[in-house]
Amino acid sequence: MINVLDVKLDTDNRAGAHDVRGYLKALLRTLWDEGEGFSGKRPFGDGGWEYELYWGLVKAGLVNGYFDEYGYVDGVDKVTADRLIFEAINQLK
């Protein structure tokens, strides 16, 4: 089975990350850098950032979901996706 941290992401994500591992690191760096000014709703300037991670999980076939005609995630099993992301966070070294 593929390691969630190694799941490739759309190269056009706001964190500039190639995979889930890089995205989570960028998110943590942004949190640390911005401190009290950190926005959980818009950590990279826009809302909906979780869907950049969901995109990779759906594309890798790890969670059920589908894309709209523009290639954006239009539906996703958020419960399973979030569980996988929490597991990936726990694996970070």
Protein backbone atom coordinates (compact mmCIF):
# COMPACT_ATOMS: atom_id res chain seq x y z
CA MET A 1 0.00 0.00 0.00
CA ILE A 2 1.17 3.50 -0.77
CA ASN A 3 2.32 5.69 2.11
CA VAL A 4 -0.04 8.68 2.32
CA LEU A 5 2.93 11.01 2.89
CA ASP A 6 4.23 10.04 -0.56
CA VAL A 7 0.94 10.71 -2.40
CA LYS A 8 1.59 13.12 -5.24
CA LEU A 9 -0.37 16.36 -5.39
CA ASP A 10 -1.45 18.60 -8.23
CA THR A 11 1.61 20.73 -8.95
CA ASP A 12 -0.55 23.85 -8.84
CA ASN A 13 -1.28 23.71 -5.09
CA ARG A 14 -0.91 26.81 -2.93
CA ALA A 15 1.74 25.25 -0.69
CA GLY A 16 3.99 24.56 -3.68
CA ALA A 17 4.37 20.96 -2.48
CA HIS A 18 4.93 17.88 -4.60
CA ASP A 19 3.42 15.44 -2.10
CA VAL A 20 1.40 15.23 1.11
CA ARG A 21 4.58 15.26 3.22
CA GLY A 22 5.72 18.54 1.68
CA TYR A 23 2.25 20.05 2.03
CA LEU A 24 2.04 19.23 5.74
CA LYS A 25 5.53 20.64 6.31
CA ALA A 26 4.58 23.86 4.48
CA LEU A 27 1.42 24.11 6.56
CA LEU A 28 3.36 23.71 9.80
CA ARG A 29 5.99 26.24 8.68
CA THR A 30 3.23 28.72 7.85
CA LEU A 31 1.61 28.16 11.25
CA TRP A 32 4.90 28.72 13.03
CA ASP A 33 5.84 31.75 10.95
CA GLU A 34 2.49 33.50 11.30
CA GLY A 35 1.90 32.58 14.95
CA GLU A 36 -1.23 34.25 16.31
CA GLY A 37 -1.99 35.63 12.85
CA PHE A 38 -2.29 32.15 11.37
CA SER A 39 -5.61 31.51 9.64
CA GLY A 40 -6.83 27.94 9.76
CA LYS A 41 -9.44 28.90 7.17
CA ARG A 42 -6.93 30.47 4.78
CA PRO A 43 -3.40 29.34 5.64
CA PHE A 44 -2.16 29.91 2.09
CA GLY A 45 -4.41 32.85 1.26
CA ASP A 46 -7.54 30.97 0.15
CA GLY A 47 -10.12 28.73 1.75
CA GLY A 48 -10.69 25.15 0.72
CA TRP A 49 -7.02 24.23 1.10
CA GLU A 50 -7.94 20.77 2.44
CA TYR A 51 -9.18 19.90 -1.04
CA GLU A 52 -5.65 20.15 -2.38
CA LEU A 53 -4.82 17.17 -0.14
CA TYR A 54 -8.10 15.43 -0.94
CA TRP A 55 -7.25 15.75 -4.64
CA GLY A 56 -4.13 13.61 -4.17
CA LEU A 57 -5.94 11.01 -2.07
CA VAL A 58 -8.76 10.65 -4.61
CA LYS A 59 -6.31 10.60 -7.54
CA ALA A 60 -4.28 7.85 -5.81
CA GLY A 61 -7.46 5.82 -5.27
CA LEU A 62 -7.11 5.89 -1.48
CA VAL A 63 -10.51 7.49 -0.89
CA ASN A 64 -13.75 7.62 -2.81
CA GLY A 65 -14.38 10.86 -4.58
CA TYR A 66 -14.87 12.47 -7.95
CA PHE A 67 -13.74 15.48 -9.94
CA ASP A 68 -15.72 18.16 -11.73
CA GLU A 69 -15.21 19.03 -15.38
CA TYR A 70 -12.32 21.35 -14.41
CA GLY A 71 -10.40 18.71 -12.47
CA TYR A 72 -11.33 19.97 -8.99
CA VAL A 73 -12.57 17.63 -6.27
CA ASP A 74 -16.35 17.85 -6.35
CA GLY A 75 -17.12 15.11 -3.85
CA VAL A 76 -14.98 13.16 -1.40
CA ASP A 77 -15.30 10.79 1.54
CA LYS A 78 -14.05 13.34 4.07
CA VAL A 79 -14.20 10.95 7.03
CA THR A 80 -11.78 8.49 5.41
CA ALA A 81 -9.63 11.25 3.90
CA ASP A 82 -9.25 13.03 7.23
CA ARG A 83 -8.42 9.76 8.98
CA LEU A 84 -5.65 9.13 6.44
CA ILE A 85 -4.28 12.64 6.89
CA PHE A 86 -4.22 12.25 10.69
CA GLU A 87 -2.39 8.93 10.26
CA ALA A 88 0.09 10.63 7.94
CA ILE A 89 0.68 13.40 10.48
CA ASN A 90 1.43 10.77 13.10
CA GLN A 91 4.02 9.23 10.75
CA LEU A 92 5.95 12.46 10.18
CA LYS A 93 9.55 12.23 11.31
